[in-house]
N, C-alpha and C. Protein backbone atom coordinates (compact mmCIF):
# COMPACT_ATOMS: atom_id res chain seq x y z
N UNK A 1 49.48 -13.19 8.45
CA UNK A 1 48.51 -12.55 7.58
C UNK A 1 47.89 -11.58 8.17
N UNK A 2 47.77 -10.37 7.52
CA UNK A 2 47.04 -8.81 8.12
C UNK A 2 46.02 -8.66 6.83
N UNK A 3 44.96 -8.03 7.66
CA UNK A 3 44.00 -7.52 6.62
C UNK A 3 43.58 -6.00 7.23
N UNK A 4 43.69 -4.94 6.14
CA UNK A 4 43.29 -3.71 6.46
C UNK A 4 42.06 -3.39 5.63
N UNK A 5 41.12 -2.71 6.35
CA UNK A 5 40.17 -2.17 5.62
C UNK A 5 39.93 -0.67 5.86
N UNK A 6 39.48 -0.08 4.63
CA UNK A 6 39.37 1.58 4.98
C UNK A 6 37.97 1.66 4.38
N UNK A 7 37.14 2.88 4.88
CA UNK A 7 35.77 3.36 4.86
C UNK A 7 35.96 4.80 4.59
N UNK A 8 35.55 5.03 3.08
CA UNK A 8 35.45 6.60 2.87
C UNK A 8 33.94 6.90 2.98
N UNK A 9 33.92 7.83 3.57
CA UNK A 9 32.71 8.74 3.51
C UNK A 9 32.67 9.97 2.86
N UNK A 10 32.07 9.89 1.70
CA UNK A 10 32.07 10.84 0.47
C UNK A 10 30.89 11.83 0.35
N UNK A 11 31.37 13.01 0.01
CA UNK A 11 30.07 14.07 -0.35
C UNK A 11 30.51 14.31 -2.02
N UNK A 12 29.68 14.27 -2.59
CA UNK A 12 29.77 14.29 -3.93
C UNK A 12 29.46 15.61 -4.39
N UNK A 13 29.76 16.28 -5.36
CA UNK A 13 29.58 17.66 -5.68
C UNK A 13 28.19 17.62 -6.38
N UNK A 14 27.94 18.54 -7.36
CA UNK A 14 26.66 18.66 -8.11
C UNK A 14 26.29 17.55 -8.57
N UNK A 15 25.52 16.66 -7.95
CA UNK A 15 25.16 15.39 -8.61
C UNK A 15 23.51 15.68 -8.31
N UNK A 16 22.73 15.24 -9.56
CA UNK A 16 21.16 15.19 -9.68
C UNK A 16 20.74 13.91 -9.56
N UNK A 17 21.41 13.07 -9.85
CA UNK A 17 20.66 11.77 -10.22
C UNK A 17 21.62 10.74 -9.88
N UNK A 18 21.13 9.53 -9.76
CA UNK A 18 21.97 8.15 -9.35
C UNK A 18 22.76 7.75 -10.70
N UNK A 19 22.55 8.11 -11.55
CA UNK A 19 23.41 7.86 -13.20
C UNK A 19 24.75 8.79 -12.88
N UNK A 20 24.48 9.98 -12.69
CA UNK A 20 25.37 10.92 -12.20
C UNK A 20 26.47 10.63 -11.17
N UNK A 21 25.61 10.05 -10.37
CA UNK A 21 26.59 9.86 -9.02
C UNK A 21 27.46 8.26 -9.31
N UNK A 22 26.65 7.42 -10.12
CA UNK A 22 27.57 6.45 -10.62
C UNK A 22 28.71 6.67 -11.87
N UNK A 23 28.99 7.85 -12.30
CA UNK A 23 29.78 8.23 -13.12
C UNK A 23 30.63 8.72 -12.32
N UNK A 24 30.61 9.28 -11.06
CA UNK A 24 31.78 9.75 -10.11
C UNK A 24 32.53 8.45 -9.57
N UNK A 25 31.50 7.81 -8.84
CA UNK A 25 31.97 6.78 -7.82
C UNK A 25 32.66 5.35 -8.76
N UNK A 26 32.19 5.15 -9.83
CA UNK A 26 32.60 3.76 -10.38
C UNK A 26 34.00 4.05 -10.95
N UNK A 27 34.66 5.16 -11.46
CA UNK A 27 35.80 5.44 -11.75
C UNK A 27 36.72 5.40 -10.59
N UNK A 28 36.33 5.84 -9.47
CA UNK A 28 37.60 5.82 -8.24
C UNK A 28 37.52 4.32 -7.82
N UNK A 29 36.42 3.65 -7.84
CA UNK A 29 36.42 2.14 -7.47
C UNK A 29 37.33 1.50 -8.39
N UNK A 30 37.12 1.55 -9.56
CA UNK A 30 38.15 0.76 -10.78
C UNK A 30 39.42 1.41 -10.57
N UNK A 31 39.67 2.45 -10.02
CA UNK A 31 41.10 2.90 -10.14
C UNK A 31 41.61 2.38 -9.02
N UNK A 32 41.03 2.41 -7.90
CA UNK A 32 41.74 1.35 -6.83
C UNK A 32 41.89 0.09 -7.09
N UNK A 33 40.81 -0.44 -7.70
CA UNK A 33 41.00 -2.01 -7.75
C UNK A 33 42.59 -2.18 -8.76
N UNK A 34 42.55 -1.51 -9.84
CA UNK A 34 43.34 -1.32 -10.94
C UNK A 34 44.73 -1.12 -10.23
N UNK A 35 44.99 0.00 -9.71
CA UNK A 35 46.49 0.59 -9.19
C UNK A 35 46.87 -0.50 -8.13
N UNK A 36 45.84 -0.77 -7.03
CA UNK A 36 46.42 -1.67 -5.92
C UNK A 36 45.99 -2.83 -5.48
N UNK A 37 45.05 -3.39 -6.54
CA UNK A 37 44.58 -4.78 -6.39
C UNK A 37 44.01 -5.02 -5.30
N UNK A 38 43.19 -4.19 -4.52
CA UNK A 38 42.08 -4.32 -3.37
C UNK A 38 40.79 -4.78 -3.73
N UNK A 39 39.97 -5.03 -2.88
CA UNK A 39 38.80 -5.19 -3.06
C UNK A 39 38.03 -4.25 -2.49
N UNK A 40 37.13 -3.50 -3.30
CA UNK A 40 36.53 -2.20 -3.11
C UNK A 40 35.18 -2.47 -3.68
N UNK A 41 34.18 -1.54 -3.02
CA UNK A 41 32.87 -1.41 -3.42
C UNK A 41 32.09 -0.29 -2.88
N UNK A 42 31.19 -0.06 -3.52
CA UNK A 42 30.37 1.12 -2.40
C UNK A 42 29.52 0.28 -1.53
N UNK A 43 29.31 0.55 -0.74
CA UNK A 43 28.72 -0.06 0.60
C UNK A 43 27.61 0.71 1.40
N UNK A 44 27.62 1.92 1.23
CA UNK A 44 26.44 2.45 1.81
C UNK A 44 25.85 3.73 1.00
N UNK A 45 24.67 4.37 1.44
CA UNK A 45 24.07 5.31 0.77
C UNK A 45 24.09 5.44 -0.79
N UNK A 46 23.59 4.08 -1.14
CA UNK A 46 23.32 4.04 -2.27
C UNK A 46 22.24 4.74 -3.25
N UNK A 47 21.41 4.84 -2.21
CA UNK A 47 20.23 5.60 -2.72
C UNK A 47 20.15 7.30 -2.41
N UNK A 48 21.25 7.65 -2.24
CA UNK A 48 21.39 9.08 -2.05
C UNK A 48 22.19 9.61 -3.10
N UNK A 49 21.82 10.90 -3.72
CA UNK A 49 22.76 11.40 -5.09
C UNK A 49 23.88 11.85 -4.46
N UNK A 50 24.07 12.71 -3.43
CA UNK A 50 25.19 13.06 -3.15
C UNK A 50 26.20 12.70 -2.14
N UNK A 51 25.65 11.48 -1.67
CA UNK A 51 26.53 10.93 -0.37
C UNK A 51 26.96 9.36 -1.01
N UNK A 52 27.92 9.07 -0.68
CA UNK A 52 28.56 7.73 -0.87
C UNK A 52 29.58 7.06 0.02
N UNK A 53 29.69 5.91 0.38
CA UNK A 53 30.28 5.43 1.31
C UNK A 53 31.33 3.93 0.29
N UNK A 54 32.46 4.37 0.17
CA UNK A 54 33.09 2.97 -0.57
C UNK A 54 34.10 2.69 0.66
N UNK A 55 34.14 1.09 0.60
CA UNK A 55 34.64 0.27 1.50
C UNK A 55 36.00 -0.38 0.53
N UNK A 56 36.91 -0.79 1.11
CA UNK A 56 37.91 -1.33 0.85
C UNK A 56 38.63 -2.03 1.73
N UNK A 57 39.27 -3.37 1.14
CA UNK A 57 39.88 -4.31 1.89
C UNK A 57 41.23 -4.90 1.08
N UNK A 58 42.32 -4.81 2.08
CA UNK A 58 43.43 -5.57 1.49
C UNK A 58 43.97 -6.57 2.27
N UNK A 59 44.63 -7.75 1.77
CA UNK A 59 45.46 -8.71 2.77
C UNK A 59 46.91 -8.84 2.47
N UNK A 60 47.85 -8.77 3.36
CA UNK A 60 48.87 -8.59 3.34
C UNK A 60 49.87 -9.64 4.04
N UNK A 61 51.02 -9.84 3.88
CA UNK A 61 51.96 -10.57 4.82
C UNK A 61 52.48 -9.91 6.01
N UNK A 62 52.72 -8.80 5.75
CA UNK A 62 53.37 -7.79 6.81
C UNK A 62 52.41 -6.50 6.89
N UNK A 63 52.78 -5.85 8.06
CA UNK A 63 51.98 -4.66 8.48
C UNK A 63 52.40 -3.52 7.71
N UNK A 64 53.99 -3.38 7.48
CA UNK A 64 54.32 -2.50 6.81
C UNK A 64 53.87 -2.28 5.24
N UNK A 65 53.63 -3.41 4.35
CA UNK A 65 53.07 -3.38 3.22
C UNK A 65 51.58 -2.81 3.24
N UNK A 66 50.75 -3.49 4.35
CA UNK A 66 49.62 -3.04 4.46
C UNK A 66 49.03 -1.64 4.58
N UNK A 67 49.96 -1.09 5.54
CA UNK A 67 49.78 0.12 5.83
C UNK A 67 50.46 1.30 4.38
N UNK A 68 51.13 0.95 3.71
CA UNK A 68 51.63 1.57 2.66
C UNK A 68 50.63 1.63 1.69
N UNK A 69 49.89 0.35 1.20
CA UNK A 69 48.79 0.29 0.46
C UNK A 69 47.60 1.14 0.94
N UNK A 70 47.45 1.06 2.23
CA UNK A 70 46.43 1.53 2.83
C UNK A 70 46.31 3.21 2.74
N UNK A 71 47.58 3.60 2.66
CA UNK A 71 48.01 4.97 2.72
C UNK A 71 47.75 5.24 1.51
N UNK A 72 48.18 4.82 0.44
CA UNK A 72 48.47 5.01 -1.13
C UNK A 72 46.70 5.47 -1.49
N UNK A 73 46.05 4.28 -1.14
CA UNK A 73 44.80 4.35 -1.35
C UNK A 73 43.88 5.68 -0.78
N UNK A 74 44.11 5.92 0.39
CA UNK A 74 43.51 7.16 1.19
C UNK A 74 43.80 8.57 0.40
N UNK A 75 45.40 8.62 -0.36
CA UNK A 75 45.58 9.82 -0.66
C UNK A 75 44.84 9.77 -2.28
N UNK A 76 44.78 8.70 -2.90
CA UNK A 76 44.30 8.83 -4.14
C UNK A 76 42.75 9.11 -4.10
N UNK A 77 42.09 8.93 -3.12
CA UNK A 77 40.78 9.36 -2.90
C UNK A 77 40.52 10.54 -2.55
N UNK A 78 41.63 11.22 -1.41
CA UNK A 78 41.74 12.46 -0.81
C UNK A 78 41.84 13.23 -1.94
N UNK A 79 42.86 12.77 -2.95
CA UNK A 79 43.26 13.73 -3.93
C UNK A 79 42.10 14.02 -5.29
N UNK A 80 40.81 13.30 -4.90
CA UNK A 80 39.85 13.40 -6.20
C UNK A 80 39.36 14.82 -6.12
N UNK A 81 39.20 15.63 -6.77
CA UNK A 81 38.66 16.99 -6.81
C UNK A 81 37.03 17.01 -7.17
N UNK A 82 36.47 15.91 -7.50
CA UNK A 82 35.07 15.64 -7.71
C UNK A 82 34.55 15.22 -6.39
N UNK A 83 35.15 14.94 -5.32
CA UNK A 83 34.52 14.59 -4.18
C UNK A 83 35.20 15.22 -3.10
N UNK A 84 34.40 15.04 -1.78
CA UNK A 84 34.99 15.73 -0.63
C UNK A 84 35.13 14.69 0.28
N UNK A 85 36.10 14.41 0.83
CA UNK A 85 36.23 13.19 1.77
C UNK A 85 35.79 13.66 3.40
N UNK A 86 34.66 13.13 3.53
CA UNK A 86 34.38 13.58 4.97
C UNK A 86 34.84 12.76 6.07
N UNK A 87 35.27 11.60 6.15
CA UNK A 87 35.89 10.83 7.04
C UNK A 87 36.39 9.64 6.64
N UNK A 88 37.42 8.95 7.19
CA UNK A 88 37.95 8.08 6.64
C UNK A 88 38.10 6.72 8.03
N UNK A 89 37.76 5.58 7.79
CA UNK A 89 37.96 4.75 8.84
C UNK A 89 38.86 3.71 8.94
N UNK A 90 39.81 3.54 9.47
CA UNK A 90 40.85 2.57 9.26
C UNK A 90 40.90 1.34 9.81
N UNK A 91 40.91 0.16 9.74
CA UNK A 91 40.98 -1.04 10.40
C UNK A 91 41.86 -1.87 10.08
N UNK A 92 42.84 -2.35 11.20
CA UNK A 92 43.90 -3.37 10.92
C UNK A 92 43.70 -4.56 11.63
N UNK A 93 43.59 -5.88 10.90
CA UNK A 93 43.50 -7.15 11.68
C UNK A 93 44.78 -7.99 11.39
N UNK A 94 45.18 -8.62 12.59
CA UNK A 94 46.27 -9.38 12.78
C UNK A 94 45.94 -10.86 12.83
N UNK A 95 47.05 -11.60 12.78
CA UNK A 95 46.47 -12.99 13.04
C UNK A 95 45.99 -13.20 14.58
N UNK A 96 46.71 -12.51 15.49
CA UNK A 96 46.46 -12.50 16.82
C UNK A 96 45.26 -11.87 17.53
N UNK A 97 44.46 -11.46 16.52
CA UNK A 97 43.24 -10.61 17.05
C UNK A 97 42.09 -11.76 17.37
N UNK A 98 41.24 -11.61 18.23
CA UNK A 98 40.20 -12.31 18.55
C UNK A 98 38.80 -12.08 17.72
């Protein structure tokens, strides 16, 4: 069993309220869940209007599938025109990790 995680640090466009922020972040979270069956949520900067951190986790039986899903998720977020992807942090955990 392998677990992969991604953390996306996002800068949002011309957002002036938390309500507007939710209208940008929620569709990204929902699309990731729907398309790739991953666990995903906004995990940091909930109180800031123009920043968001989205965390994502996936479990797979082999590293090839895990890497493929993580790559697809990263491309989806990077391709969203309403956000600027500041950084991505990727971690892979395997059965033999301590």
